[in-house]
Amino acid sequence: MYNLVNYAWSGTGSAFGPLMIASLYSNYITRAGALSGMVTGALISGLWHYSGYDMLPLVPGFFSSLCVMYG
C-alpha cells in the first residue's frame, strides 16, 4: 500500500511541482513548455519502477520536468 501511495504522490509532485515553482520565479515558461513538463514529469515518475534503480521516482521526474520546461 505504501508503494502505491508513494508512486501516486511522486507522479503528482513531478507533474505539478516544477510548474508551480517555475511559474512563481520565472517569466519564460510558455503554455507548451508547461504542458510538456507536466506530461514528462508524470511519465518519468510513473515508469521509473521499470528502470531498476532504487531511487524515489519523485527525484528524476521533478528534474526531468524542469529540464523539459526550460529546454
N, C-alpha and C. Protein backbone atom coordinates (compact mmCIF):
# COMPACT_ATOMS: atom_id res chain seq x y z
N MET A 1 0.82 -1.19 0.00
CA MET A 1 0.00 0.00 0.00
C MET A 1 0.87 1.25 0.00
N TYR A 2 1.98 1.19 0.75
CA TYR A 2 2.88 2.35 0.80
C TYR A 2 3.46 2.66 -0.57
N ASN A 3 3.83 1.65 -1.31
CA ASN A 3 4.42 1.88 -2.63
C ASN A 3 3.42 2.51 -3.59
N LEU A 4 2.16 2.11 -3.50
CA LEU A 4 1.14 2.69 -4.36
C LEU A 4 0.94 4.17 -4.05
N VAL A 5 0.89 4.51 -2.77
CA VAL A 5 0.74 5.91 -2.37
C VAL A 5 1.99 6.70 -2.73
N ASN A 6 3.16 6.09 -2.59
CA ASN A 6 4.41 6.75 -2.93
C ASN A 6 4.46 7.10 -4.42
N TYR A 7 4.06 6.17 -5.28
CA TYR A 7 4.07 6.44 -6.71
C TYR A 7 3.00 7.45 -7.11
N ALA A 8 1.87 7.42 -6.43
CA ALA A 8 0.81 8.39 -6.75
C ALA A 8 1.26 9.81 -6.40
N TRP A 9 1.84 10.00 -5.23
CA TRP A 9 2.30 11.33 -4.84
C TRP A 9 3.53 11.75 -5.63
N SER A 10 4.35 10.81 -6.02
CA SER A 10 5.50 11.15 -6.85
C SER A 10 5.06 11.63 -8.23
N GLY A 11 4.07 10.99 -8.80
CA GLY A 11 3.56 11.42 -10.10
C GLY A 11 2.91 12.78 -10.03
N THR A 12 2.15 13.02 -8.96
CA THR A 12 1.51 14.32 -8.80
C THR A 12 2.53 15.41 -8.56
N GLY A 13 3.50 15.12 -7.70
CA GLY A 13 4.54 16.11 -7.41
C GLY A 13 5.44 16.39 -8.59
N SER A 14 5.73 15.37 -9.38
CA SER A 14 6.57 15.56 -10.56
C SER A 14 5.85 16.30 -11.67
N ALA A 15 4.54 16.17 -11.72
CA ALA A 15 3.79 16.84 -12.77
C ALA A 15 3.52 18.30 -12.44
N PHE A 16 3.13 18.58 -11.20
CA PHE A 16 2.69 19.93 -10.86
C PHE A 16 3.70 20.74 -10.06
N GLY A 17 4.60 20.09 -9.33
CA GLY A 17 5.56 20.81 -8.50
C GLY A 17 6.51 21.71 -9.27
N PRO A 18 7.20 21.20 -10.27
CA PRO A 18 8.11 22.07 -11.03
C PRO A 18 7.40 23.21 -11.74
N LEU A 19 6.19 22.96 -12.20
CA LEU A 19 5.43 24.01 -12.87
C LEU A 19 5.08 25.13 -11.90
N MET A 20 4.68 24.78 -10.70
CA MET A 20 4.34 25.80 -9.71
C MET A 20 5.56 26.63 -9.31
N ILE A 21 6.67 25.97 -9.10
CA ILE A 21 7.89 26.68 -8.72
C ILE A 21 8.39 27.55 -9.87
N ALA A 22 8.37 27.02 -11.09
CA ALA A 22 8.84 27.79 -12.23
C ALA A 22 7.92 28.96 -12.54
N SER A 23 6.63 28.79 -12.35
CA SER A 23 5.72 29.90 -12.64
C SER A 23 5.82 31.01 -11.60
N LEU A 24 6.27 30.69 -10.40
CA LEU A 24 6.47 31.72 -9.38
C LEU A 24 7.74 32.53 -9.61
N TYR A 25 8.79 31.88 -10.10
CA TYR A 25 10.10 32.53 -10.16
C TYR A 25 10.59 32.85 -11.56
N SER A 26 9.82 32.53 -12.59
CA SER A 26 10.31 32.74 -13.95
C SER A 26 9.20 33.30 -14.84
N ASN A 27 9.58 34.10 -15.80
CA ASN A 27 8.64 34.62 -16.79
C ASN A 27 8.82 33.95 -18.15
N TYR A 28 9.64 32.92 -18.23
CA TYR A 28 9.98 32.29 -19.51
C TYR A 28 9.22 31.00 -19.78
N ILE A 29 8.26 30.65 -18.96
CA ILE A 29 7.52 29.41 -19.15
C ILE A 29 6.34 29.67 -20.08
N THR A 30 6.30 28.94 -21.17
CA THR A 30 5.19 29.07 -22.12
C THR A 30 4.14 27.98 -21.83
N ARG A 31 3.02 28.09 -22.51
CA ARG A 31 1.96 27.09 -22.33
C ARG A 31 2.41 25.72 -22.81
N ALA A 32 3.10 25.69 -23.94
CA ALA A 32 3.59 24.41 -24.47
C ALA A 32 4.66 23.81 -23.56
N GLY A 33 5.53 24.65 -23.01
CA GLY A 33 6.55 24.17 -22.09
C GLY A 33 5.95 23.63 -20.81
N ALA A 34 4.92 24.30 -20.32
CA ALA A 34 4.25 23.85 -19.10
C ALA A 34 3.57 22.50 -19.31
N LEU A 35 2.88 22.36 -20.42
CA LEU A 35 2.19 21.10 -20.71
C LEU A 35 3.18 19.96 -20.94
N SER A 36 4.23 20.21 -21.66
CA SER A 36 5.21 19.15 -21.90
C SER A 36 5.95 18.79 -20.62
N GLY A 37 6.20 19.76 -19.76
CA GLY A 37 6.83 19.46 -18.48
C GLY A 37 5.94 18.62 -17.58
N MET A 38 4.64 18.91 -17.57
CA MET A 38 3.72 18.12 -16.76
C MET A 38 3.63 16.67 -17.25
N VAL A 39 3.57 16.51 -18.56
CA VAL A 39 3.48 15.15 -19.11
C VAL A 39 4.78 14.39 -18.87
N THR A 40 5.92 15.04 -19.07
CA THR A 40 7.20 14.38 -18.87
C THR A 40 7.41 13.98 -17.42
N GLY A 41 7.10 14.87 -16.49
CA GLY A 41 7.27 14.55 -15.08
C GLY A 41 6.41 13.38 -14.65
N ALA A 42 5.17 13.35 -15.11
CA ALA A 42 4.28 12.25 -14.74
C ALA A 42 4.73 10.93 -15.36
N LEU A 43 5.16 10.98 -16.63
CA LEU A 43 5.60 9.74 -17.29
C LEU A 43 6.89 9.19 -16.68
N ILE A 44 7.85 10.05 -16.44
CA ILE A 44 9.11 9.58 -15.85
C ILE A 44 8.86 9.01 -14.47
N SER A 45 8.03 9.67 -13.70
CA SER A 45 7.73 9.20 -12.36
C SER A 45 6.96 7.88 -12.39
N GLY A 46 6.05 7.74 -13.31
CA GLY A 46 5.27 6.52 -13.40
C GLY A 46 6.05 5.33 -13.94
N LEU A 47 6.98 5.59 -14.84
CA LEU A 47 7.75 4.50 -15.44
C LEU A 47 9.07 4.22 -14.75
N TRP A 48 9.38 4.96 -13.70
CA TRP A 48 10.67 4.81 -13.03
C TRP A 48 10.82 3.44 -12.39
N HIS A 49 9.74 2.81 -12.03
CA HIS A 49 9.79 1.49 -11.40
C HIS A 49 10.44 0.46 -12.32
N TYR A 50 10.25 0.61 -13.61
CA TYR A 50 10.78 -0.35 -14.58
C TYR A 50 12.24 -0.13 -14.93
N SER A 51 12.84 0.94 -14.44
CA SER A 51 14.24 1.20 -14.75
C SER A 51 15.19 0.35 -13.92
N GLY A 52 14.76 -0.10 -12.77
CA GLY A 52 15.60 -0.94 -11.94
C GLY A 52 16.41 -0.18 -10.90
N TYR A 53 16.37 1.13 -10.91
CA TYR A 53 17.10 1.92 -9.92
C TYR A 53 16.30 2.01 -8.64
N ASP A 54 17.00 2.20 -7.53
CA ASP A 54 16.36 2.20 -6.22
C ASP A 54 16.19 3.61 -5.67
N MET A 55 15.92 4.57 -6.53
CA MET A 55 15.72 5.96 -6.13
C MET A 55 14.23 6.26 -6.14
N LEU A 56 13.82 7.20 -5.29
CA LEU A 56 12.42 7.61 -5.32
C LEU A 56 12.08 8.20 -6.69
N PRO A 57 10.92 7.91 -7.23
CA PRO A 57 10.59 8.39 -8.58
C PRO A 57 10.34 9.90 -8.64
N LEU A 58 10.19 10.54 -7.50
CA LEU A 58 9.97 11.98 -7.49
C LEU A 58 11.20 12.75 -7.97
N VAL A 59 12.37 12.28 -7.64
CA VAL A 59 13.61 12.99 -7.97
C VAL A 59 13.85 13.06 -9.48
N PRO A 60 13.90 11.96 -10.21
CA PRO A 60 14.12 12.08 -11.66
C PRO A 60 12.94 12.71 -12.39
N GLY A 61 11.72 12.48 -11.90
CA GLY A 61 10.56 13.10 -12.53
C GLY A 61 10.56 14.61 -12.39
N PHE A 62 10.92 15.09 -11.21
CA PHE A 62 10.97 16.52 -10.94
C PHE A 62 12.00 17.21 -11.81
N PHE A 63 13.23 16.69 -11.83
CA PHE A 63 14.29 17.34 -12.59
C PHE A 63 14.12 17.18 -14.10
N SER A 64 13.56 16.08 -14.55
CA SER A 64 13.30 15.95 -15.99
C SER A 64 12.19 16.92 -16.42
N SER A 65 11.21 17.13 -15.57
CA SER A 65 10.17 18.10 -15.89
C SER A 65 10.73 19.51 -15.97
N LEU A 66 11.61 19.87 -15.05
CA LEU A 66 12.25 21.18 -15.10
C LEU A 66 13.07 21.35 -16.37
N CYS A 67 13.82 20.32 -16.74
CA CYS A 67 14.65 20.40 -17.93
C CYS A 67 13.82 20.56 -19.20
N VAL A 68 12.71 19.86 -19.28
CA VAL A 68 11.86 19.96 -20.46
C VAL A 68 11.18 21.31 -20.52
N MET A 69 10.76 21.85 -19.39
CA MET A 69 10.10 23.16 -19.40
C MET A 69 11.02 24.27 -19.85
N TYR A 70 12.27 24.23 -19.43
CA TYR A 70 13.20 25.28 -19.80
C TYR A 70 13.94 25.00 -21.10
N GLY A 71 13.84 23.79 -21.62
CA GLY A 71 14.59 23.40 -22.81
C GLY A 71 13.92 23.72 -24.05
